[in-house]
Protein backbone atom coordinates (compact mmCIF):
# COMPACT_ATOMS: atom_id res chain seq x y z
CA UNK A 1 -35.88 5.44 8.05
CA UNK A 2 -32.80 6.60 9.88
CA UNK A 3 -30.17 4.66 11.37
CA UNK A 4 -29.73 4.52 15.23
CA UNK A 5 -26.36 6.29 16.05
CA UNK A 6 -24.92 3.14 17.51
CA UNK A 7 -25.45 1.52 14.06
CA UNK A 8 -23.59 3.91 12.08
CA UNK A 9 -19.54 3.23 12.02
CA UNK A 10 -17.75 5.73 14.25
CA UNK A 11 -15.82 7.09 11.42
CA UNK A 12 -19.15 8.39 10.04
CA UNK A 13 -20.44 9.63 13.12
CA UNK A 14 -17.68 12.46 13.02
CA UNK A 15 -16.70 12.64 9.37
CA UNK A 16 -13.96 15.15 10.20
CA UNK A 17 -12.12 12.10 11.56
CA UNK A 18 -12.44 10.01 8.45
CA UNK A 19 -9.70 11.12 6.06
CA UNK A 20 -8.55 8.37 4.05
CA UNK A 21 -4.79 8.47 3.51
CA UNK A 22 -3.32 7.42 0.16
CA UNK A 23 -0.97 4.50 -0.27
CA UNK A 24 0.64 2.43 -2.82
CA UNK A 25 2.24 -1.02 -3.15
CA UNK A 26 4.30 -2.45 -5.92
CA UNK A 27 3.75 -5.93 -7.12
CA UNK A 28 7.01 -6.75 -8.42
CA UNK A 29 7.13 -9.87 -10.81
CA UNK A 30 10.32 -11.27 -12.01
CA UNK A 31 11.70 -14.32 -13.69
CA UNK A 32 13.57 -16.51 -11.40
CA UNK A 33 16.66 -18.38 -12.19
CA UNK A 34 14.86 -21.42 -13.54
CA UNK A 35 12.38 -19.45 -15.64
CA UNK A 36 9.65 -19.49 -12.98
CA UNK A 37 7.69 -16.29 -11.88
CA UNK A 38 8.44 -14.84 -8.63
CA UNK A 39 7.06 -12.09 -6.46
CA UNK A 40 8.64 -9.77 -4.04
CA UNK A 41 7.35 -9.82 -0.39
CA UNK A 42 8.33 -8.09 2.82
CA UNK A 43 7.45 -8.96 6.43
CA UNK A 44 6.50 -5.70 8.44
CA UNK A 45 8.35 -4.94 11.73
CA UNK A 46 6.76 -6.39 14.71
CA UNK A 47 7.18 -2.97 16.27
CA UNK A 48 4.42 -1.37 14.13
CA UNK A 49 1.17 -0.24 15.39
CA UNK A 50 -0.82 -1.67 12.53
CA UNK A 51 -0.37 -4.88 10.61
CA UNK A 52 2.81 -5.82 12.67
CA UNK A 53 4.56 -8.84 11.60
CA UNK A 54 2.56 -9.26 8.35
CA UNK A 55 3.88 -10.21 5.09
CA UNK A 56 3.02 -7.71 2.48
CA UNK A 57 3.84 -6.10 -0.79
CA UNK A 58 6.46 -3.28 -0.73
CA UNK A 59 4.98 0.10 -0.56
CA UNK A 60 3.43 2.46 1.96
CA UNK A 61 1.83 6.11 2.46
CA UNK A 62 1.69 8.60 -0.04
CA UNK A 63 4.21 11.71 0.60
CA UNK A 64 3.42 15.35 -0.45
CA UNK A 65 6.08 15.18 -3.17
CA UNK A 66 4.94 12.10 -4.96
CA UNK A 67 3.21 12.77 -8.26
CA UNK A 68 0.80 9.69 -8.12
CA UNK A 69 0.49 6.64 -6.98
CA UNK A 70 3.06 4.89 -9.00
CA UNK A 71 5.69 7.36 -7.89
CA UNK A 72 4.72 6.40 -4.18
CA UNK A 73 4.93 2.78 -4.90
CA UNK A 74 8.58 3.10 -6.55
CA UNK A 75 9.72 5.47 -3.84
CA UNK A 76 8.64 3.08 -1.04
CA UNK A 77 9.97 0.05 -2.92
CA UNK A 78 13.43 1.82 -3.08
CA UNK A 79 13.15 2.61 0.71
CA UNK A 80 12.05 -0.62 1.71
CA UNK A 81 14.13 -3.23 -0.21
CA UNK A 82 16.58 -0.96 -2.33
CA UNK A 83 14.79 -1.71 -5.53
CA UNK A 84 16.16 0.55 -8.35
CA UNK A 85 13.46 2.29 -10.20
CA UNK A 86 15.28 2.33 -13.57
CA UNK A 87 14.92 -1.61 -13.36
CA UNK A 88 11.01 -1.46 -13.17
CA UNK A 89 8.59 -1.54 -16.15
CA UNK A 90 5.16 -0.71 -14.91
CA UNK A 91 2.71 -2.87 -16.73
CA UNK A 92 -0.55 -1.40 -15.12
CA UNK A 93 -1.81 0.51 -12.27
CA UNK A 94 -4.91 -1.22 -10.55
CA UNK A 95 -8.04 1.04 -9.71
CA UNK A 96 -7.64 2.26 -5.90
CA UNK A 97 -9.73 1.30 -3.18
CA UNK A 98 -10.25 1.75 0.42
CA UNK A 99 -8.91 -0.75 2.95
CA UNK A 100 -10.25 -1.31 6.39
CA UNK A 101 -7.37 0.43 8.15
């Protein structure tokens, strides 16, 4: 049984248009002054075309020179919040997944 064309998501009707782009975020956990656990969040610019004004983790799209997702997240965190990569200890890398955008 086939699906009616209207039931198929637009991206799958024309697979050449569906090209997932890699992106990575950094979940930067650190100890606060009182010993409490904290995480760094950012607020996206209200001028962006997607997810504008939303609270997010530092990160973004992979660039051609990035060796892997870890490097993408570290580079983006340095660009966005000035985080020195030498201060970061990567504990784990989570499995990638497709987001809705």
